[in-house]
Amino acid sequence: MLPIPLQNASNLRDLGGPPTRLRPGLVFRAPALINLSPADEATIAALGLRTVCDLRGGQERARHPVSIPGTTNLSLPIEPSVGASLKDILRTGQASGHISPAEMLDLLREAYRDYALQRSAQYRTLFAHVLRDDGLPLLLHCSAGKDRTGFGSALLLTALGEPWEVVMADYLATNTQWKREIGTNFDLPAPLKEVLFDAHDVLLTAAFDAIRERYGSVDTYLERAIGLDAAARAQLADRLLLA
């Protein structure tokens, strides 16, 4: 898991490298890469990306379009739920004075369950492109590179057989890698900002608990919902893992 520093953005990193067994330079995760400096653009160009998978909803993409020259931009929209968007929380009428940190964490927990159980088609398409001969190197992103991207990255690491502690370490790395650029204009008390903009281990755990409750096991979910049978997982490992 190798951070890639940029001047005007944060939380771009290579999923490969220690402590994973993934080969570096093949799969990257990021926030929406906008307002980049010329040096940032050169850094991203050097990655040699072929595919950019955008998990943002339609309005997010319209407000902040992302275009990386030489890549296929694949839209896999997951519209922000109450757990992924402050505006959606405010639309419910639960303004900052009427929602506690614990209640906000519950909203986020439901969002993560939704990623796993209701948005599997988007992640299935992501994996199909990882397996394409012309799909790599690939970048996965949403707005912050934290929630929708965090779950997708966790799925990929899990499908490759990485231990849970490695999967969780990558997920929680957002807390040190992301500088909260999209959160600067949100007028919220500090405790609510902390909940909304941090990665919490209980959220990723909730998503995988939901998978086990519905499908019995993560392996069954990967096969039935994500399209990764034993042969596809072997192909995935062959493409991404170090020999």
C-alpha atoms as a PDB file:
ATOM      1  CA  MET A   1       0.000   0.000   0.000  1.00  0.00           C
ATOM      2  CA  LEU A   2       2.070   2.849  -1.357  1.00  0.00           C
ATOM      3  CA  PRO A   3       0.965   6.497  -0.929  1.00  0.00           C
ATOM      4  CA  ILE A   4       1.467   8.713  -3.974  1.00  0.00           C
ATOM      5  CA  PRO A   5       1.938  12.349  -2.899  1.00  0.00           C
ATOM      6  CA  LEU A   6       0.246  15.133  -4.831  1.00  0.00           C
ATOM      7  CA  GLN A   7       0.331  18.883  -4.340  1.00  0.00           C
ATOM      8  CA  ASN A   8      -3.411  19.583  -4.580  1.00  0.00           C
ATOM      9  CA  ALA A   9      -5.004  16.296  -3.560  1.00  0.00           C
ATOM     10  CA  SER A  10      -4.502  13.512  -1.051  1.00  0.00           C
ATOM     11  CA  ASN A  11      -5.397   9.860  -0.470  1.00  0.00           C
ATOM     12  CA  LEU A  12      -4.082   8.607  -3.814  1.00  0.00           C
ATOM     13  CA  ARG A  13      -2.312   5.321  -3.271  1.00  0.00           C
ATOM     14  CA  ASP A  14      -1.241   2.103  -4.927  1.00  0.00           C
ATOM     15  CA  LEU A  15      -3.053  -0.930  -3.522  1.00  0.00           C
ATOM     16  CA  GLY A  16       0.068  -2.968  -4.223  1.00  0.00           C
ATOM     17  CA  GLY A  17       3.236  -3.217  -2.205  1.00  0.00           C
ATOM     18  CA  PRO A  18       3.806  -4.300   1.417  1.00  0.00           C
ATOM     19  CA  PRO A  19       2.085  -5.505   3.472  1.00  0.00           C
ATOM     20  CA  THR A  20      -0.023  -6.903   0.607  1.00  0.00           C
ATOM     21  CA  ARG A  21       1.087  -9.487  -1.940  1.00  0.00           C
ATOM     22  CA  LEU A  22      -0.202  -7.325  -4.805  1.00  0.00           C
ATOM     23  CA  ARG A  23       2.162  -6.244  -7.514  1.00  0.00           C
ATOM     24  CA  PRO A  24       2.609  -2.466  -7.422  1.00  0.00           C
ATOM     25  CA  GLY A  25       1.515  -0.365 -10.360  1.00  0.00           C
ATOM     26  CA  LEU A  26      -1.681  -2.213 -11.277  1.00  0.00           C
ATOM     27  CA  VAL A  27      -4.570  -0.975  -9.077  1.00  0.00           C
ATOM     28  CA  PHE A  28      -4.826   2.447  -7.482  1.00  0.00           C
ATOM     29  CA  ARG A  29      -7.426   4.087  -5.217  1.00  0.00           C
ATOM     30  CA  ALA A  30      -8.119   7.786  -4.902  1.00  0.00           C
ATOM     31  CA  PRO A  31     -10.589  10.586  -4.259  1.00  0.00           C
ATOM     32  CA  ALA A  32     -11.917  12.602  -7.174  1.00  0.00           C
ATOM     33  CA  LEU A  33      -8.744  13.991  -8.706  1.00  0.00           C
ATOM     34  CA  ILE A  34      -9.728  17.600  -9.358  1.00  0.00           C
ATOM     35  CA  ASN A  35      -7.933  20.972  -9.192  1.00  0.00           C
ATOM     36  CA  LEU A  36      -4.634  19.272  -9.899  1.00  0.00           C
ATOM     37  CA  SER A  37      -1.404  21.154 -10.401  1.00  0.00           C
ATOM     38  CA  PRO A  38       0.710  20.542 -13.518  1.00  0.00           C
ATOM     39  CA  ALA A  39       3.067  18.511 -11.330  1.00  0.00           C
ATOM     40  CA  ASP A  40       0.123  16.427 -10.086  1.00  0.00           C
ATOM     41  CA  GLU A  41      -0.993  15.780 -13.653  1.00  0.00           C
ATOM     42  CA  ALA A  42       2.506  14.611 -14.541  1.00  0.00           C
ATOM     43  CA  THR A  43       2.557  12.285 -11.514  1.00  0.00           C
ATOM     44  CA  ILE A  44      -0.747  10.704 -12.545  1.00  0.00           C
ATOM     45  CA  ALA A  45       0.287  10.434 -16.191  1.00  0.00           C
ATOM     46  CA  ALA A  46       3.349   8.476 -15.071  1.00  0.00           C
ATOM     47  CA  LEU A  47       1.074   5.796 -13.595  1.00  0.00           C
ATOM     48  CA  GLY A  48       0.146   4.706 -17.127  1.00  0.00           C
ATOM     49  CA  LEU A  49      -3.538   4.282 -16.283  1.00  0.00           C
ATOM     50  CA  ARG A  50      -5.850   2.624 -18.785  1.00  0.00           C
ATOM     51  CA  THR A  51      -9.116   2.528 -16.829  1.00  0.00           C
ATOM     52  CA  VAL A  52     -10.678   4.964 -14.363  1.00  0.00           C
ATOM     53  CA  CYS A  53     -13.670   3.581 -12.438  1.00  0.00           C
ATOM     54  CA  ASP A  54     -15.784   6.425 -11.045  1.00  0.00           C
ATOM     55  CA  LEU A  55     -18.172   5.403  -8.246  1.00  0.00           C
ATOM     56  CA  ARG A  56     -19.675   8.868  -7.804  1.00  0.00           C
ATOM     57  CA  GLY A  57     -23.306   9.683  -8.440  1.00  0.00           C
ATOM     58  CA  GLY A  58     -24.477  11.808 -11.341  1.00  0.00           C
ATOM     59  CA  GLN A  59     -24.577  15.180  -9.587  1.00  0.00           C
ATOM     60  CA  GLU A  60     -21.151  14.611  -8.051  1.00  0.00           C
ATOM     61  CA  ARG A  61     -19.675  13.906 -11.470  1.00  0.00           C
ATOM     62  CA  ALA A  62     -21.403  16.930 -12.994  1.00  0.00           C
ATOM     63  CA  ARG A  63     -20.078  19.262 -10.287  1.00  0.00           C
ATOM     64  CA  HIS A  64     -16.526  17.978 -10.434  1.00  0.00           C
ATOM     65  CA  PRO A  65     -15.746  16.158 -13.691  1.00  0.00           C
ATOM     66  CA  VAL A  66     -12.640  14.003 -13.713  1.00  0.00           C
ATOM     67  CA  SER A  67     -10.765  13.480 -16.945  1.00  0.00           C
ATOM     68  CA  ILE A  68      -7.424  11.684 -17.149  1.00  0.00           C
ATOM     69  CA  PRO A  69      -5.981  11.705 -20.675  1.00  0.00           C
ATOM     70  CA  GLY A  70      -5.475   8.336 -22.305  1.00  0.00           C
ATOM     71  CA  THR A  71      -7.891   6.447 -20.071  1.00  0.00           C
ATOM     72  CA  THR A  72     -11.295   4.838 -20.446  1.00  0.00           C
ATOM     73  CA  ASN A  73     -13.589   6.493 -17.903  1.00  0.00           C
ATOM     74  CA  LEU A  74     -16.047   3.928 -16.583  1.00  0.00           C
ATOM     75  CA  SER A  75     -19.023   5.324 -14.666  1.00  0.00           C
ATOM     76  CA  LEU A  76     -20.262   2.954 -11.946  1.00  0.00           C
ATOM     77  CA  PRO A  77     -22.612   5.328 -10.135  1.00  0.00           C
ATOM     78  CA  ILE A  78     -23.458   4.771  -6.497  1.00  0.00           C
ATOM     79  CA  GLU A  79     -25.577   7.740  -5.556  1.00  0.00           C
ATOM     80  CA  PRO A  80     -24.564   9.123  -2.165  1.00  0.00           C
ATOM     81  CA  SER A  81     -26.776   7.835   0.614  1.00  0.00           C
ATOM     82  CA  VAL A  82     -27.429   9.429   3.979  1.00  0.00           C
ATOM     83  CA  GLY A  83     -24.161   7.973   5.138  1.00  0.00           C
ATOM     84  CA  ALA A  84     -22.070   9.233   2.247  1.00  0.00           C
ATOM     85  CA  SER A  85     -23.308  12.794   1.826  1.00  0.00           C
ATOM     86  CA  LEU A  86     -23.776  15.590   4.316  1.00  0.00           C
ATOM     87  CA  LYS A  87     -26.422  17.150   2.081  1.00  0.00           C
ATOM     88  CA  ASP A  88     -28.522  13.999   2.306  1.00  0.00           C
ATOM     89  CA  ILE A  89     -28.264  14.045   6.084  1.00  0.00           C
ATOM     90  CA  LEU A  90     -29.432  17.649   6.133  1.00  0.00           C
ATOM     91  CA  ARG A  91     -32.324  16.863   3.765  1.00  0.00           C
ATOM     92  CA  THR A  92     -33.725  14.467   6.369  1.00  0.00           C
ATOM     93  CA  GLY A  93     -34.169  17.410   8.695  1.00  0.00           C
ATOM     94  CA  GLN A  94     -31.592  16.053  11.102  1.00  0.00           C
ATOM     95  CA  ALA A  95     -29.453  19.193  11.189  1.00  0.00           C
ATOM     96  CA  SER A  96     -26.326  19.303  13.270  1.00  0.00           C
ATOM     97  CA  GLY A  97     -28.161  20.193  16.455  1.00  0.00           C
ATOM     98  CA  HIS A  98     -30.482  17.201  16.158  1.00  0.00           C
ATOM     99  CA  ILE A  99     -28.203  14.335  15.296  1.00  0.00           C
ATOM    100  CA  SER A 100     -25.663  12.786  17.616  1.00  0.00           C
ATOM    101  CA  PRO A 101     -22.344  11.264  16.604  1.00  0.00           C
ATOM    102  CA  ALA A 102     -23.757   7.821  17.399  1.00  0.00           C
ATOM    103  CA  GLU A 103     -26.762   8.442  15.139  1.00  0.00           C
ATOM    104  CA  MET A 104     -24.523   9.615  12.323  1.00  0.00           C
ATOM    105  CA  LEU A 105     -22.428   6.479  12.704  1.00  0.00           C
ATOM    106  CA  ASP A 106     -25.620   4.427  12.404  1.00  0.00           C
ATOM    107  CA  LEU A 107     -26.447   6.215   9.140  1.00  0.00           C
ATOM    108  CA  LEU A 108     -22.989   5.411   7.831  1.00  0.00           C
ATOM    109  CA  ARG A 109     -23.396   1.786   8.879  1.00  0.00           C
ATOM    110  CA  GLU A 110     -26.564   1.513   6.788  1.00  0.00           C
ATOM    111  CA  ALA A 111     -24.744   3.051   3.838  1.00  0.00           C
ATOM    112  CA  TYR A 112     -22.068   0.376   4.025  1.00  0.00           C
ATOM    113  CA  ARG A 113     -24.640  -2.391   4.186  1.00  0.00           C
ATOM    114  CA  ASP A 114     -26.176  -0.829   1.086  1.00  0.00           C
ATOM    115  CA  TYR A 115     -22.835  -0.914  -0.758  1.00  0.00           C
ATOM    116  CA  ALA A 116     -22.559  -4.623  -0.094  1.00  0.00           C
ATOM    117  CA  LEU A 117     -26.130  -5.758  -0.696  1.00  0.00           C
ATOM    118  CA  GLN A 118     -27.695  -3.235  -3.083  1.00  0.00           C
ATOM    119  CA  ARG A 119     -24.756  -1.986  -5.155  1.00  0.00           C
ATOM    120  CA  SER A 120     -23.006  -5.246  -5.975  1.00  0.00           C
ATOM    121  CA  ALA A 121     -23.662  -4.777  -9.718  1.00  0.00           C
ATOM    122  CA  GLN A 122     -21.316  -1.786  -9.788  1.00  0.00           C
ATOM    123  CA  TYR A 123     -18.574  -3.714  -8.028  1.00  0.00           C
ATOM    124  CA  ARG A 124     -19.163  -6.705 -10.299  1.00  0.00           C
ATOM    125  CA  THR A 125     -18.439  -4.460 -13.279  1.00  0.00           C
ATOM    126  CA  LEU A 126     -15.322  -3.164 -11.558  1.00  0.00           C
ATOM    127  CA  PHE A 127     -13.958  -6.690 -11.216  1.00  0.00           C
ATOM    128  CA  ALA A 128     -14.820  -7.480 -14.823  1.00  0.00           C
ATOM    129  CA  HIS A 129     -12.593  -4.592 -15.908  1.00  0.00           C
ATOM    130  CA  VAL A 130      -9.777  -5.641 -13.605  1.00  0.00           C
ATOM    131  CA  LEU A 131      -9.856  -8.977 -15.438  1.00  0.00           C
ATOM    132  CA  ARG A 132      -9.856  -7.454 -18.919  1.00  0.00           C
ATOM    133  CA  ASP A 133      -6.643  -7.752 -20.882  1.00  0.00           C
ATOM    134  CA  ASP A 134      -6.720  -4.009 -21.526  1.00  0.00           C
ATOM    135  CA  GLY A 135      -8.107  -2.981 -18.123  1.00  0.00           C
ATOM    136  CA  LEU A 136      -4.934  -2.409 -16.135  1.00  0.00           C
ATOM    137  CA  PRO A 137      -3.514  -0.262 -14.676  1.00  0.00           C
ATOM    138  CA  LEU A 138      -6.828   0.798 -13.122  1.00  0.00           C
ATOM    139  CA  LEU A 139      -7.814   3.615 -10.771  1.00  0.00           C
ATOM    140  CA  LEU A 140     -10.875   3.346  -8.511  1.00  0.00           C
ATOM    141  CA  HIS A 141     -12.289   6.519  -7.000  1.00  0.00           C
ATOM    142  CA  CYS A 142     -15.340   8.237  -5.524  1.00  0.00           C
ATOM    143  CA  SER A 143     -15.423  11.733  -3.996  1.00  0.00           C
ATOM    144  CA  ALA A 144     -13.194  11.307  -0.940  1.00  0.00           C
ATOM    145  CA  GLY A 145     -11.765   7.889  -1.769  1.00  0.00           C
ATOM    146  CA  LYS A 146     -13.001   6.725   1.616  1.00  0.00           C
ATOM    147  CA  ASP A 147     -16.344   4.906   1.660  1.00  0.00           C
ATOM    148  CA  ARG A 148     -17.435   3.588  -1.744  1.00  0.00           C
ATOM    149  CA  THR A 149     -13.812   3.269  -2.802  1.00  0.00           C
ATOM    150  CA  GLY A 150     -12.864   1.839   0.589  1.00  0.00           C
ATOM    151  CA  PHE A 151     -15.411  -0.955   0.303  1.00  0.00           C
ATOM    152  CA  GLY A 152     -14.396  -1.728  -3.288  1.00  0.00           C
ATOM    153  CA  SER A 153     -10.733  -1.906  -2.328  1.00  0.00           C
ATOM    154  CA  ALA A 154     -11.590  -4.172   0.608  1.00  0.00           C
ATOM    155  CA  LEU A 155     -13.496  -6.491  -1.714  1.00  0.00           C
ATOM    156  CA  LEU A 156     -10.540  -6.724  -4.074  1.00  0.00           C
ATOM    157  CA  LEU A 157      -8.053  -7.459  -1.318  1.00  0.00           C
ATOM    158  CA  THR A 158     -10.414 -10.044   0.170  1.00  0.00           C
ATOM    159  CA  ALA A 159     -10.955 -11.746  -3.194  1.00  0.00           C
ATOM    160  CA  LEU A 160      -7.178 -12.051  -3.486  1.00  0.00           C
ATOM    161  CA  GLY A 161      -6.964 -13.798  -0.134  1.00  0.00           C
ATOM    162  CA  GLU A 162      -5.373 -10.999   1.877  1.00  0.00           C
ATOM    163  CA  PRO A 163      -5.808 -11.358   5.672  1.00  0.00           C
ATOM    164  CA  TRP A 164      -8.490  -9.262   7.312  1.00  0.00           C
ATOM    165  CA  GLU A 165      -5.915  -7.223   9.218  1.00  0.00           C
ATOM    166  CA  VAL A 166      -4.313  -6.205   5.901  1.00  0.00           C
ATOM    167  CA  VAL A 167      -7.708  -5.362   4.403  1.00  0.00           C
ATOM    168  CA  MET A 168      -8.580  -3.242   7.426  1.00  0.00           C
ATOM    169  CA  ALA A 169      -5.180  -1.534   7.478  1.00  0.00           C
ATOM    170  CA  ASP A 170      -5.698  -0.341   3.914  1.00  0.00           C
ATOM    171  CA  TYR A 171      -9.196   0.882   4.743  1.00  0.00           C
ATOM    172  CA  LEU A 172      -8.079   2.792   7.854  1.00  0.00           C
ATOM    173  CA  ALA A 173      -5.077   4.327   6.081  1.00  0.00           C
ATOM    174  CA  THR A 174      -7.477   7.002   4.805  1.00  0.00           C
ATOM    175  CA  ASN A 175      -7.382   8.491   8.306  1.00  0.00           C
ATOM    176  CA  THR A 176      -3.735   9.402   7.857  1.00  0.00           C
ATOM    177  CA  GLN A 177      -3.607   9.844   4.072  1.00  0.00           C
ATOM    178  CA  TRP A 178      -6.683  12.013   3.379  1.00  0.00           C
ATOM    179  CA  LYS A 179      -6.510  15.730   4.191  1.00  0.00           C
ATOM    180  CA  ARG A 180     -10.317  16.170   4.119  1.00  0.00           C
ATOM    181  CA  GLU A 181     -10.304  18.557   1.168  1.00  0.00           C
ATOM    182  CA  ILE A 182     -14.033  18.127   0.497  1.00  0.00           C
ATOM    183  CA  GLY A 183     -14.921  18.777   4.144  1.00  0.00           C
ATOM    184  CA  THR A 184     -13.596  22.303   4.497  1.00  0.00           C
ATOM    185  CA  ASN A 185     -16.906  24.013   3.704  1.00  0.00           C
ATOM    186  CA  PHE A 186     -19.116  21.877   5.961  1.00  0.00           C
ATOM    187  CA  ASP A 187     -20.428  23.795   8.953  1.00  0.00           C
ATOM    188  CA  LEU A 188     -20.622  21.000  11.490  1.00  0.00           C
ATOM    189  CA  PRO A 189     -19.526  20.584  15.083  1.00  0.00           C
ATOM    190  CA  ALA A 190     -16.153  18.874  15.378  1.00  0.00           C
ATOM    191  CA  PRO A 191     -17.551  15.587  16.818  1.00  0.00           C
ATOM    192  CA  LEU A 192     -19.874  15.180  13.810  1.00  0.00           C
ATOM    193  CA  LYS A 193     -17.128  16.033  11.341  1.00  0.00           C
ATOM    194  CA  GLU A 194     -14.926  13.432  12.970  1.00  0.00           C
ATOM    195  CA  VAL A 195     -17.559  10.744  12.482  1.00  0.00           C
ATOM    196  CA  LEU A 196     -18.469  11.756   8.946  1.00  0.00           C
ATOM    197  CA  PHE A 197     -14.974  12.152   7.572  1.00  0.00           C
ATOM    198  CA  ASP A 198     -13.094   9.386   9.360  1.00  0.00           C
ATOM    199  CA  ALA A 199     -12.857   5.753   8.284  1.00  0.00           C
ATOM    200  CA  HIS A 200     -14.259   3.561  11.085  1.00  0.00           C
ATOM    201  CA  ASP A 201     -13.462  -0.120  11.410  1.00  0.00           C
ATOM    202  CA  VAL A 202     -17.035  -0.851  12.532  1.00  0.00           C
ATOM    203  CA  LEU A 203     -18.361   0.335   9.158  1.00  0.00           C
ATOM    204  CA  LEU A 204     -16.308  -2.003   7.015  1.00  0.00           C
ATOM    205  CA  THR A 205     -17.051  -4.782   9.496  1.00  0.00           C
ATOM    206  CA  ALA A 206     -20.786  -4.042   9.146  1.00  0.00           C
ATOM    207  CA  ALA A 207     -20.587  -4.415   5.359  1.00  0.00           C
ATOM    208  CA  PHE A 208     -18.921  -7.814   5.584  1.00  0.00           C
ATOM    209  CA  ASP A 209     -21.266  -8.909   8.387  1.00  0.00           C
ATOM    210  CA  ALA A 210     -24.184  -8.056   6.089  1.00  0.00           C
ATOM    211  CA  ILE A 211     -22.597 -10.173   3.356  1.00  0.00           C
ATOM    212  CA  ARG A 212     -22.316 -13.179   5.664  1.00  0.00           C
ATOM    213  CA  GLU A 213     -25.871 -12.725   6.939  1.00  0.00           C
ATOM    214  CA  ARG A 214     -27.306 -12.659   3.393  1.00  0.00           C
ATOM    215  CA  TYR A 215     -25.017 -15.125   1.594  1.00  0.00           C
ATOM    216  CA  GLY A 216     -23.627 -17.329   4.346  1.00  0.00           C
ATOM    217  CA  SER A 217     -20.013 -16.587   3.459  1.00  0.00           C
ATOM    218  CA  VAL A 218     -17.883 -14.017   1.674  1.00  0.00           C
ATOM    219  CA  ASP A 219     -16.814 -16.644  -0.861  1.00  0.00           C
ATOM    220  CA  THR A 220     -20.441 -17.273  -1.835  1.00  0.00           C
ATOM    221  CA  TYR A 221     -21.045 -13.536  -2.163  1.00  0.00           C
ATOM    222  CA  LEU A 222     -17.998 -13.118  -4.388  1.00  0.00           C
ATOM    223  CA  GLU A 223     -19.251 -15.879  -6.655  1.00  0.00           C
ATOM    224  CA  ARG A 224     -22.953 -15.041  -6.803  1.00  0.00           C
ATOM    225  CA  ALA A 225     -22.990 -11.262  -6.482  1.00  0.00           C
ATOM    226  CA  ILE A 226     -19.592 -10.256  -7.869  1.00  0.00           C
ATOM    227  CA  GLY A 227     -19.150 -12.957 -10.517  1.00  0.00           C
ATOM    228  CA  LEU A 228     -15.926 -14.408  -9.148  1.00  0.00           C
ATOM    229  CA  ASP A 229     -16.043 -18.195  -9.235  1.00  0.00           C
ATOM    230  CA  ALA A 230     -12.944 -20.240  -8.471  1.00  0.00           C
ATOM    231  CA  ALA A 231     -11.588 -19.876 -12.005  1.00  0.00           C
ATOM    232  CA  ALA A 232     -12.095 -16.107 -12.034  1.00  0.00           C
ATOM    233  CA  ARG A 233     -10.422 -15.731  -8.639  1.00  0.00           C
ATOM    234  CA  ALA A 234      -7.465 -17.771  -9.870  1.00  0.00           C
ATOM    235  CA  GLN A 235      -7.241 -15.504 -12.919  1.00  0.00           C
ATOM    236  CA  LEU A 236      -7.438 -12.449 -10.656  1.00  0.00           C
ATOM    237  CA  ALA A 237      -4.622 -13.770  -8.489  1.00  0.00           C
ATOM    238  CA  ASP A 238      -2.508 -14.557 -11.532  1.00  0.00           C
ATOM    239  CA  ARG A 239      -2.947 -11.021 -12.838  1.00  0.00           C
ATOM    240  CA  LEU A 240      -2.366  -9.132  -9.608  1.00  0.00           C
ATOM    241  CA  LEU A 241      -0.299 -11.122  -7.136  1.00  0.00           C
ATOM    242  CA  LEU A 242       3.454 -11.374  -6.941  1.00  0.00           C
ATOM    243  CA  ALA A 243       4.802 -14.726  -8.048  1.00  0.00           C
END
